[in-house]
């Protein structure tokens, strides 16, 4: 039957692709998240870079933080970034409202500017002691697998959402651009924390454009100068442009110690302890294990 003769539901007959995406925004975000999580979980089981995917208590704590964050953000931020974008953009507000750019360019610039903002925010989380207390929950994991991509303290998630809402408002960003960025950011967070590595011949080509798991794995090294580098989430260009790029860790990825020296015992890394960690001073570190003794380690 010719396409023009196929019966259509009235509510979809006049709907353009952008309207369809917005109507199914929540389902698209959830579906893409589950699909990427499942694909990466399989990939890191088939070809692990370190073997950190072995079942462990840390994974339950990471997934527990994800569930808590999902519920709290819905309560604390009943108006999310997409809703703000729809409101501001529809009345021609923000920077884009003044510039009058074509829709495709607004969408592209939204993704680009918001990724740059996430990079800047990430550097701030490391540089400001009060913010580091929130962010060190993410860095205190002793392993590196896809579940680390959802290990964030609720306070950090709230801070990040506040930054995002303010940026969307100032830009007057289109809702479609915000949805695209949210999907890409969630996928990139899972991808860059996955326990696999690309072949040496492929890695440099990919890393020239995007942050790869090997590039981000260096960021989770126990060494301070490596932790304070490779901040990007999606595009690798920001680290190169702003001088925070570390090509390779001092030790091979498979052997490289992950985490923070001051937070390494099971009672410090369970879910209740992680929720309380930003409010506690760092424990006094005992004698450094042999694999840390000759290296610089990050302050907690």
C-alpha atoms as a PDB file:
ATOM      1  CA  UNK A   1       0.000   0.000   0.000  1.00  0.00           C
ATOM      2  CA  UNK A   2       1.417   3.464  -0.892  1.00  0.00           C
ATOM      3  CA  UNK A   3       2.530   5.474   2.183  1.00  0.00           C
ATOM      4  CA  UNK A   4      -0.030   8.170   1.515  1.00  0.00           C
ATOM      5  CA  UNK A   5      -2.850   5.603   1.844  1.00  0.00           C
ATOM      6  CA  UNK A   6      -1.646   4.136   5.153  1.00  0.00           C
ATOM      7  CA  UNK A   7      -4.055   5.197   7.928  1.00  0.00           C
ATOM      8  CA  UNK A   8      -2.508   7.542  10.481  1.00  0.00           C
ATOM      9  CA  UNK A   9      -3.573   8.394  13.994  1.00  0.00           C
ATOM     10  CA  UNK A  10      -4.777  12.036  14.002  1.00  0.00           C
ATOM     11  CA  UNK A  11      -2.425  13.089  16.795  1.00  0.00           C
ATOM     12  CA  UNK A  12       0.615  11.948  14.769  1.00  0.00           C
ATOM     13  CA  UNK A  13      -0.476  12.996  11.287  1.00  0.00           C
ATOM     14  CA  UNK A  14       0.733  16.594  11.569  1.00  0.00           C
ATOM     15  CA  UNK A  15       3.556  15.945  14.047  1.00  0.00           C
ATOM     16  CA  UNK A  16       7.100  16.801  12.915  1.00  0.00           C
ATOM     17  CA  UNK A  17      10.139  14.824  14.164  1.00  0.00           C
ATOM     18  CA  UNK A  18      11.001  17.410  16.824  1.00  0.00           C
ATOM     19  CA  UNK A  19       7.518  17.238  18.312  1.00  0.00           C
ATOM     20  CA  UNK A  20       7.659  13.444  18.329  1.00  0.00           C
ATOM     21  CA  UNK A  21      11.010  13.498  20.169  1.00  0.00           C
ATOM     22  CA  UNK A  22       9.689  15.903  22.781  1.00  0.00           C
ATOM     23  CA  UNK A  23       6.520  13.877  23.323  1.00  0.00           C
ATOM     24  CA  UNK A  24       8.609  10.737  23.938  1.00  0.00           C
ATOM     25  CA  UNK A  25      11.547  12.436  25.654  1.00  0.00           C
ATOM     26  CA  UNK A  26      11.402  10.451  28.899  1.00  0.00           C
ATOM     27  CA  UNK A  27      11.092   7.104  27.111  1.00  0.00           C
ATOM     28  CA  UNK A  28      13.949   7.961  24.735  1.00  0.00           C
ATOM     29  CA  UNK A  29      16.267   8.902  27.593  1.00  0.00           C
ATOM     30  CA  UNK A  30      15.434   5.798  29.613  1.00  0.00           C
ATOM     31  CA  UNK A  31      15.596   3.499  26.608  1.00  0.00           C
ATOM     32  CA  UNK A  32      18.959   4.824  25.447  1.00  0.00           C
ATOM     33  CA  UNK A  33      20.376   4.591  28.985  1.00  0.00           C
ATOM     34  CA  UNK A  34      19.294   0.972  29.424  1.00  0.00           C
ATOM     35  CA  UNK A  35      20.527   0.015  25.947  1.00  0.00           C
ATOM     36  CA  UNK A  36      23.962   1.604  26.446  1.00  0.00           C
ATOM     37  CA  UNK A  37      24.294   0.162  29.962  1.00  0.00           C
ATOM     38  CA  UNK A  38      23.444  -3.328  28.716  1.00  0.00           C
ATOM     39  CA  UNK A  39      25.759  -3.146  25.697  1.00  0.00           C
ATOM     40  CA  UNK A  40      28.704  -1.899  27.766  1.00  0.00           C
ATOM     41  CA  UNK A  41      28.127  -4.479  30.499  1.00  0.00           C
ATOM     42  CA  UNK A  42      28.402  -7.192  27.831  1.00  0.00           C
ATOM     43  CA  UNK A  43      31.452  -5.579  26.187  1.00  0.00           C
ATOM     44  CA  UNK A  44      33.425  -5.306  29.412  1.00  0.00           C
ATOM     45  CA  UNK A  45      32.635  -8.921  30.269  1.00  0.00           C
ATOM     46  CA  UNK A  46      33.842 -10.134  26.868  1.00  0.00           C
ATOM     47  CA  UNK A  47      37.030  -8.069  26.770  1.00  0.00           C
ATOM     48  CA  UNK A  48      37.846  -6.504  30.175  1.00  0.00           C
ATOM     49  CA  UNK A  49      40.713  -4.041  30.488  1.00  0.00           C
ATOM     50  CA  UNK A  50      41.224  -4.603  34.217  1.00  0.00           C
ATOM     51  CA  UNK A  51      38.737  -7.248  35.397  1.00  0.00           C
ATOM     52  CA  UNK A  52      36.888  -4.839  37.706  1.00  0.00           C
ATOM     53  CA  UNK A  53      33.506  -6.163  36.525  1.00  0.00           C
ATOM     54  CA  UNK A  54      33.672  -9.060  38.977  1.00  0.00           C
ATOM     55  CA  UNK A  55      30.581  -8.983  41.242  1.00  0.00           C
ATOM     56  CA  UNK A  56      31.381  -6.873  44.289  1.00  0.00           C
ATOM     57  CA  UNK A  57      29.738  -4.846  47.037  1.00  0.00           C
ATOM     58  CA  UNK A  58      30.947  -1.631  45.393  1.00  0.00           C
ATOM     59  CA  UNK A  59      28.629  -2.206  42.441  1.00  0.00           C
ATOM     60  CA  UNK A  60      25.595  -2.433  44.726  1.00  0.00           C
ATOM     61  CA  UNK A  61      26.609   0.848  46.373  1.00  0.00           C
ATOM     62  CA  UNK A  62      26.954   2.508  42.965  1.00  0.00           C
ATOM     63  CA  UNK A  63      23.546   1.325  41.789  1.00  0.00           C
ATOM     64  CA  UNK A  64      22.051   2.340  45.134  1.00  0.00           C
ATOM     65  CA  UNK A  65      23.324   5.902  44.630  1.00  0.00           C
ATOM     66  CA  UNK A  66      21.774   5.903  41.148  1.00  0.00           C
ATOM     67  CA  UNK A  67      18.344   4.963  42.516  1.00  0.00           C
ATOM     68  CA  UNK A  68      18.534   7.535  45.317  1.00  0.00           C
ATOM     69  CA  UNK A  69      19.593  10.269  42.890  1.00  0.00           C
ATOM     70  CA  UNK A  70      16.798   9.458  40.469  1.00  0.00           C
ATOM     71  CA  UNK A  71      14.172   9.776  43.187  1.00  0.00           C
ATOM     72  CA  UNK A  72      15.600  12.866  44.896  1.00  0.00           C
ATOM     73  CA  UNK A  73      16.089  14.836  41.690  1.00  0.00           C
ATOM     74  CA  UNK A  74      12.454  14.315  40.792  1.00  0.00           C
ATOM     75  CA  UNK A  75      11.452  15.690  44.187  1.00  0.00           C
ATOM     76  CA  UNK A  76      13.928  18.574  44.439  1.00  0.00           C
ATOM     77  CA  UNK A  77      13.766  19.580  40.762  1.00  0.00           C
ATOM     78  CA  UNK A  78      10.198  19.025  39.577  1.00  0.00           C
ATOM     79  CA  UNK A  79      11.055  21.333  36.659  1.00  0.00           C
ATOM     80  CA  UNK A  80      13.900  19.775  34.697  1.00  0.00           C
ATOM     81  CA  UNK A  81      16.196  21.270  32.067  1.00  0.00           C
ATOM     82  CA  UNK A  82      13.966  20.292  29.143  1.00  0.00           C
ATOM     83  CA  UNK A  83      10.962  22.085  30.648  1.00  0.00           C
ATOM     84  CA  UNK A  84      13.040  25.233  31.238  1.00  0.00           C
ATOM     85  CA  UNK A  85      14.286  25.064  27.649  1.00  0.00           C
ATOM     86  CA  UNK A  86      10.751  24.785  26.269  1.00  0.00           C
ATOM     87  CA  UNK A  87       9.590  27.768  28.320  1.00  0.00           C
ATOM     88  CA  UNK A  88      12.507  30.125  27.597  1.00  0.00           C
ATOM     89  CA  UNK A  89      13.020  29.200  23.953  1.00  0.00           C
ATOM     90  CA  UNK A  90       9.335  29.464  23.056  1.00  0.00           C
ATOM     91  CA  UNK A  91       9.284  33.127  24.077  1.00  0.00           C
ATOM     92  CA  UNK A  92      12.595  33.982  22.418  1.00  0.00           C
ATOM     93  CA  UNK A  93      14.557  34.389  25.633  1.00  0.00           C
ATOM     94  CA  UNK A  94      18.252  33.929  26.315  1.00  0.00           C
ATOM     95  CA  UNK A  95      21.267  34.408  24.072  1.00  0.00           C
ATOM     96  CA  UNK A  96      19.878  32.356  21.207  1.00  0.00           C
ATOM     97  CA  UNK A  97      16.720  34.461  21.242  1.00  0.00           C
ATOM     98  CA  UNK A  98      18.856  37.549  20.597  1.00  0.00           C
ATOM     99  CA  UNK A  99      20.965  35.952  17.879  1.00  0.00           C
ATOM    100  CA  UNK A 100      18.154  34.466  15.828  1.00  0.00           C
ATOM    101  CA  UNK A 101      20.174  31.431  14.676  1.00  0.00           C
ATOM    102  CA  UNK A 102      18.730  28.625  12.543  1.00  0.00           C
ATOM    103  CA  UNK A 103      17.362  25.693  14.579  1.00  0.00           C
ATOM    104  CA  UNK A 104      20.054  23.205  13.481  1.00  0.00           C
ATOM    105  CA  UNK A 105      22.810  25.566  14.599  1.00  0.00           C
ATOM    106  CA  UNK A 106      21.110  26.225  17.946  1.00  0.00           C
ATOM    107  CA  UNK A 107      20.945  22.483  18.596  1.00  0.00           C
ATOM    108  CA  UNK A 108      24.607  21.959  17.700  1.00  0.00           C
ATOM    109  CA  UNK A 109      25.768  24.916  19.788  1.00  0.00           C
ATOM    110  CA  UNK A 110      23.668  23.738  22.735  1.00  0.00           C
ATOM    111  CA  UNK A 111      25.469  20.392  22.784  1.00  0.00           C
ATOM    112  CA  UNK A 112      28.875  22.046  22.299  1.00  0.00           C
ATOM    113  CA  UNK A 113      28.433  24.766  24.945  1.00  0.00           C
ATOM    114  CA  UNK A 114      26.904  22.420  27.520  1.00  0.00           C
ATOM    115  CA  UNK A 115      29.730  19.914  27.072  1.00  0.00           C
ATOM    116  CA  UNK A 116      32.255  22.724  27.610  1.00  0.00           C
ATOM    117  CA  UNK A 117      30.316  23.736  30.736  1.00  0.00           C
ATOM    118  CA  UNK A 118      30.446  20.184  32.099  1.00  0.00           C
ATOM    119  CA  UNK A 119      34.217  20.202  31.577  1.00  0.00           C
ATOM    120  CA  UNK A 120      34.523  23.523  33.460  1.00  0.00           C
ATOM    121  CA  UNK A 121      32.242  22.275  36.223  1.00  0.00           C
ATOM    122  CA  UNK A 122      34.333  19.124  36.582  1.00  0.00           C
ATOM    123  CA  UNK A 123      37.504  21.161  37.042  1.00  0.00           C
ATOM    124  CA  UNK A 124      35.708  23.260  39.643  1.00  0.00           C
ATOM    125  CA  UNK A 125      34.686  20.142  41.568  1.00  0.00           C
ATOM    126  CA  UNK A 126      38.364  19.262  41.902  1.00  0.00           C
ATOM    127  CA  UNK A 127      39.600  22.776  42.671  1.00  0.00           C
ATOM    128  CA  UNK A 128      37.151  23.942  45.369  1.00  0.00           C
ATOM    129  CA  UNK A 129      37.525  22.003  48.658  1.00  0.00           C
ATOM    130  CA  UNK A 130      33.815  22.145  49.535  1.00  0.00           C
ATOM    131  CA  UNK A 131      32.841  20.822  46.105  1.00  0.00           C
ATOM    132  CA  UNK A 132      35.578  18.183  46.223  1.00  0.00           C
ATOM    133  CA  UNK A 133      33.966  16.741  49.356  1.00  0.00           C
ATOM    134  CA  UNK A 134      30.927  15.906  47.212  1.00  0.00           C
ATOM    135  CA  UNK A 135      32.897  14.735  44.199  1.00  0.00           C
ATOM    136  CA  UNK A 136      35.353  12.527  46.085  1.00  0.00           C
ATOM    137  CA  UNK A 137      32.479  10.033  46.548  1.00  0.00           C
ATOM    138  CA  UNK A 138      32.819   9.349  42.830  1.00  0.00           C
ATOM    139  CA  UNK A 139      36.609   9.023  43.045  1.00  0.00           C
ATOM    140  CA  UNK A 140      36.661   6.808  46.122  1.00  0.00           C
ATOM    141  CA  UNK A 141      35.594   3.708  44.184  1.00  0.00           C
ATOM    142  CA  UNK A 142      38.413   1.140  44.135  1.00  0.00           C
ATOM    143  CA  UNK A 143      37.297  -0.343  40.833  1.00  0.00           C
ATOM    144  CA  UNK A 144      36.535   0.946  37.357  1.00  0.00           C
ATOM    145  CA  UNK A 145      33.533  -0.435  35.496  1.00  0.00           C
ATOM    146  CA  UNK A 146      30.312   0.823  33.958  1.00  0.00           C
ATOM    147  CA  UNK A 147      28.585   1.181  37.362  1.00  0.00           C
ATOM    148  CA  UNK A 148      31.107   3.885  38.265  1.00  0.00           C
ATOM    149  CA  UNK A 149      29.343   6.018  35.641  1.00  0.00           C
ATOM    150  CA  UNK A 150      26.360   6.416  37.990  1.00  0.00           C
ATOM    151  CA  UNK A 151      28.288   6.767  41.272  1.00  0.00           C
ATOM    152  CA  UNK A 152      27.623  10.395  42.250  1.00  0.00           C
ATOM    153  CA  UNK A 153      26.593  11.868  45.585  1.00  0.00           C
ATOM    154  CA  UNK A 154      23.077  13.420  45.629  1.00  0.00           C
ATOM    155  CA  UNK A 155      24.582  16.804  46.562  1.00  0.00           C
ATOM    156  CA  UNK A 156      26.776  16.731  43.468  1.00  0.00           C
ATOM    157  CA  UNK A 157      23.801  15.767  41.315  1.00  0.00           C
ATOM    158  CA  UNK A 158      21.803  18.689  42.735  1.00  0.00           C
ATOM    159  CA  UNK A 159      24.708  21.079  42.140  1.00  0.00           C
ATOM    160  CA  UNK A 160      25.094  19.837  38.569  1.00  0.00           C
ATOM    161  CA  UNK A 161      21.378  20.189  37.893  1.00  0.00           C
ATOM    162  CA  UNK A 162      21.420  23.766  39.194  1.00  0.00           C
ATOM    163  CA  UNK A 163      24.313  24.631  36.870  1.00  0.00           C
ATOM    164  CA  UNK A 164      22.518  22.995  33.962  1.00  0.00           C
ATOM    165  CA  UNK A 165      19.240  24.832  34.587  1.00  0.00           C
ATOM    166  CA  UNK A 166      21.050  28.178  34.793  1.00  0.00           C
ATOM    167  CA  UNK A 167      22.939  27.527  31.565  1.00  0.00           C
ATOM    168  CA  UNK A 168      19.816  26.468  29.677  1.00  0.00           C
ATOM    169  CA  UNK A 169      18.048  29.620  30.862  1.00  0.00           C
ATOM    170  CA  UNK A 170      20.917  31.933  29.862  1.00  0.00           C
ATOM    171  CA  UNK A 171      21.321  30.310  26.450  1.00  0.00           C
ATOM    172  CA  UNK A 172      17.620  30.084  25.688  1.00  0.00           C
ATOM    173  CA  UNK A 173      18.556  26.614  24.464  1.00  0.00           C
ATOM    174  CA  UNK A 174      16.097  24.665  22.294  1.00  0.00           C
ATOM    175  CA  UNK A 175      14.494  21.718  24.043  1.00  0.00           C
ATOM    176  CA  UNK A 176      15.613  19.335  21.298  1.00  0.00           C
ATOM    177  CA  UNK A 177      19.235  20.353  21.868  1.00  0.00           C
ATOM    178  CA  UNK A 178      18.885  19.804  25.612  1.00  0.00           C
ATOM    179  CA  UNK A 179      17.366  16.349  25.081  1.00  0.00           C
ATOM    180  CA  UNK A 180      20.185  15.443  22.699  1.00  0.00           C
ATOM    181  CA  UNK A 181      22.783  16.577  25.225  1.00  0.00           C
ATOM    182  CA  UNK A 182      21.141  14.750  28.134  1.00  0.00           C
ATOM    183  CA  UNK A 183      21.127  11.494  26.150  1.00  0.00           C
ATOM    184  CA  UNK A 184      24.742  11.971  25.034  1.00  0.00           C
ATOM    185  CA  UNK A 185      25.922  12.898  28.538  1.00  0.00           C
ATOM    186  CA  UNK A 186      24.314   9.855  30.168  1.00  0.00           C
ATOM    187  CA  UNK A 187      25.732   7.567  27.478  1.00  0.00           C
ATOM    188  CA  UNK A 188      29.184   9.179  27.727  1.00  0.00           C
ATOM    189  CA  UNK A 189      29.260   8.785  31.515  1.00  0.00           C
ATOM    190  CA  UNK A 190      28.645   5.050  31.132  1.00  0.00           C
ATOM    191  CA  UNK A 191      30.976   4.673  28.141  1.00  0.00           C
ATOM    192  CA  UNK A 192      33.970   6.466  29.654  1.00  0.00           C
ATOM    193  CA  UNK A 193      33.776   4.367  32.833  1.00  0.00           C
ATOM    194  CA  UNK A 194      33.452   0.979  31.117  1.00  0.00           C
ATOM    195  CA  UNK A 195      36.075  -1.680  31.840  1.00  0.00           C
ATOM    196  CA  UNK A 196      37.346  -2.223  28.330  1.00  0.00           C
ATOM    197  CA  UNK A 197      39.932  -0.666  26.048  1.00  0.00           C
ATOM    198  CA  UNK A 198      40.104  -0.165  22.306  1.00  0.00           C
ATOM    199  CA  UNK A 199      42.966  -1.704  20.304  1.00  0.00           C
ATOM    200  CA  UNK A 200      46.119   0.465  20.308  1.00  0.00           C
ATOM    201  CA  UNK A 201      45.720   1.231  16.604  1.00  0.00           C
ATOM    202  CA  UNK A 202      42.138   2.473  17.098  1.00  0.00           C
ATOM    203  CA  UNK A 203      42.494   4.335  20.406  1.00  0.00           C
ATOM    204  CA  UNK A 204      44.375   7.442  19.106  1.00  0.00           C
ATOM    205  CA  UNK A 205      41.865   8.006  16.317  1.00  0.00           C
ATOM    206  CA  UNK A 206      38.893   7.808  18.670  1.00  0.00           C
ATOM    207  CA  UNK A 207      40.596   9.889  21.346  1.00  0.00           C
ATOM    208  CA  UNK A 208      41.205  12.669  18.852  1.00  0.00           C
ATOM    209  CA  UNK A 209      37.449  13.295  18.915  1.00  0.00           C
ATOM    210  CA  UNK A 210      35.887  11.821  22.056  1.00  0.00           C
ATOM    211  CA  UNK A 211      36.867  10.783  25.566  1.00  0.00           C
ATOM    212  CA  UNK A 212      37.572   7.046  25.641  1.00  0.00           C
ATOM    213  CA  UNK A 213      37.550   4.700  28.651  1.00  0.00           C
ATOM    214  CA  UNK A 214      41.364   4.551  28.609  1.00  0.00           C
ATOM    215  CA  UNK A 215      41.638   8.344  28.593  1.00  0.00           C
ATOM    216  CA  UNK A 216      39.197   8.718  31.485  1.00  0.00           C
ATOM    217  CA  UNK A 217      40.665   5.799  33.431  1.00  0.00           C
ATOM    218  CA  UNK A 218      43.763   7.948  33.964  1.00  0.00           C
ATOM    219  CA  UNK A 219      41.517  10.508  35.685  1.00  0.00           C
ATOM    220  CA  UNK A 220      40.671   7.877  38.324  1.00  0.00           C
ATOM    221  CA  UNK A 221      44.290   7.067  39.084  1.00  0.00           C
ATOM    222  CA  UNK A 222      45.386   7.369  42.712  1.00  0.00           C
ATOM    223  CA  UNK A 223      48.130   9.794  41.644  1.00  0.00           C
ATOM    224  CA  UNK A 224      47.147  13.425  42.165  1.00  0.00           C
ATOM    225  CA  UNK A 225      48.614  14.821  38.953  1.00  0.00           C
ATOM    226  CA  UNK A 226      46.714  12.156  36.979  1.00  0.00           C
ATOM    227  CA  UNK A 227      43.485  12.641  38.922  1.00  0.00           C
ATOM    228  CA  UNK A 228      43.650  16.363  38.142  1.00  0.00           C
ATOM    229  CA  UNK A 229      43.655  15.786  34.390  1.00  0.00           C
ATOM    230  CA  UNK A 230      41.432  14.403  31.609  1.00  0.00           C
ATOM    231  CA  UNK A 231      38.274  16.093  32.914  1.00  0.00           C
ATOM    232  CA  UNK A 232      36.222  15.792  29.724  1.00  0.00           C
ATOM    233  CA  UNK A 233      33.057  13.716  29.459  1.00  0.00           C
ATOM    234  CA  UNK A 234      32.166  13.785  25.770  1.00  0.00           C
ATOM    235  CA  UNK A 235      34.617  15.733  23.600  1.00  0.00           C
ATOM    236  CA  UNK A 236      38.344  15.320  24.247  1.00  0.00           C
ATOM    237  CA  UNK A 237      39.169  18.752  22.780  1.00  0.00           C
ATOM    238  CA  UNK A 238      38.592  20.669  26.033  1.00  0.00           C
ATOM    239  CA  UNK A 239      41.435  18.918  27.871  1.00  0.00           C
ATOM    240  CA  UNK A 240      43.812  19.608  24.991  1.00  0.00           C
ATOM    241  CA  UNK A 241      42.735  23.235  24.644  1.00  0.00           C
ATOM    242  CA  UNK A 242      43.011  24.033  28.355  1.00  0.00           C
ATOM    243  CA  UNK A 243      46.162  22.102  29.195  1.00  0.00           C
ATOM    244  CA  UNK A 244      44.661  19.317  31.310  1.00  0.00           C
ATOM    245  CA  UNK A 245      45.381  16.383  29.002  1.00  0.00           C
ATOM    246  CA  UNK A 246      47.468  13.423  30.191  1.00  0.00           C
ATOM    247  CA  UNK A 247      48.127  10.990  27.326  1.00  0.00           C
ATOM    248  CA  UNK A 248      49.095   7.940  29.394  1.00  0.00           C
ATOM    249  CA  UNK A 249      49.216   7.019  33.098  1.00  0.00           C
ATOM    250  CA  UNK A 250      52.581   6.251  34.668  1.00  0.00           C
ATOM    251  CA  UNK A 251      51.538   2.665  35.237  1.00  0.00           C
ATOM    252  CA  UNK A 252      49.749   0.325  32.799  1.00  0.00           C
ATOM    253  CA  UNK A 253      45.952   0.507  32.910  1.00  0.00           C
ATOM    254  CA  UNK A 254      45.599  -3.061  34.172  1.00  0.00           C
ATOM    255  CA  UNK A 255      47.931  -2.426  37.140  1.00  0.00           C
ATOM    256  CA  UNK A 256      47.148   1.221  37.851  1.00  0.00           C
ATOM    257  CA  UNK A 257      45.766   1.780  41.391  1.00  0.00           C
ATOM    258  CA  UNK A 258      42.269   3.326  41.274  1.00  0.00           C
ATOM    259  CA  UNK A 259      40.633   5.509  43.937  1.00  0.00           C
ATOM    260  CA  UNK A 260      41.822   7.599  46.877  1.00  0.00           C
ATOM    261  CA  UNK A 261      44.427   6.492  49.418  1.00  0.00           C
ATOM    262  CA  UNK A 262      42.430   7.816  52.376  1.00  0.00           C
ATOM    263  CA  UNK A 263      39.217   5.908  51.548  1.00  0.00           C
ATOM    264  CA  UNK A 264      39.949   2.223  51.025  1.00  0.00           C
ATOM    265  CA  UNK A 265      38.305   0.117  53.754  1.00  0.00           C
ATOM    266  CA  UNK A 266      34.915  -1.620  53.332  1.00  0.00           C
ATOM    267  CA  UNK A 267      33.275   0.277  56.195  1.00  0.00           C
ATOM    268  CA  UNK A 268      34.194   3.592  54.489  1.00  0.00           C
ATOM    269  CA  UNK A 269      32.811   2.583  51.100  1.00  0.00           C
ATOM    270  CA  UNK A 270      29.379   1.126  51.801  1.00  0.00           C
ATOM    271  CA  UNK A 271      26.276   3.040  50.696  1.00  0.00           C
ATOM    272  CA  UNK A 272      25.495   4.675  54.099  1.00  0.00           C
ATOM    273  CA  UNK A 273      29.128   5.776  54.471  1.00  0.00           C
ATOM    274  CA  UNK A 274      29.159   7.225  50.947  1.00  0.00           C
ATOM    275  CA  UNK A 275      26.069   9.302  51.684  1.00  0.00           C
ATOM    276  CA  UNK A 276      27.741  10.706  54.809  1.00  0.00           C
ATOM    277  CA  UNK A 277      31.219  11.090  53.320  1.00  0.00           C
ATOM    278  CA  UNK A 278      30.944  14.801  52.289  1.00  0.00           C
ATOM    279  CA  UNK A 279      30.185  15.691  55.913  1.00  0.00           C
ATOM    280  CA  UNK A 280      33.169  13.852  57.335  1.00  0.00           C
ATOM    281  CA  UNK A 281      36.809  14.810  57.459  1.00  0.00           C
ATOM    282  CA  UNK A 282      39.164  12.540  55.590  1.00  0.00           C
ATOM    283  CA  UNK A 283      40.477   9.719  57.776  1.00  0.00           C
ATOM    284  CA  UNK A 284      44.134   9.855  58.696  1.00  0.00           C
ATOM    285  CA  UNK A 285      45.900   7.657  56.207  1.00  0.00           C
ATOM    286  CA  UNK A 286      48.154   5.004  57.623  1.00  0.00           C
ATOM    287  CA  UNK A 287      51.456   3.959  56.057  1.00  0.00           C
ATOM    288  CA  UNK A 288      51.079   3.927  52.305  1.00  0.00           C
ATOM    289  CA  UNK A 289      50.839   0.485  50.687  1.00  0.00           C
ATOM    290  CA  UNK A 290      53.965  -0.458  48.788  1.00  0.00           C
ATOM    291  CA  UNK A 291      52.377   0.304  45.405  1.00  0.00           C
ATOM    292  CA  UNK A 292      51.686   3.895  46.556  1.00  0.00           C
ATOM    293  CA  UNK A 293      54.787   4.573  48.622  1.00  0.00           C
ATOM    294  CA  UNK A 294      56.906   6.133  45.900  1.00  0.00           C
ATOM    295  CA  UNK A 295      54.076   8.091  44.294  1.00  0.00           C
ATOM    296  CA  UNK A 296      52.146  11.237  44.905  1.00  0.00           C
ATOM    297  CA  UNK A 297      48.565  10.633  46.065  1.00  0.00           C
ATOM    298  CA  UNK A 298      45.570  12.961  46.043  1.00  0.00           C
ATOM    299  CA  UNK A 299      44.337  14.702  49.134  1.00  0.00           C
ATOM    300  CA  UNK A 300      40.932  13.546  50.263  1.00  0.00           C
END
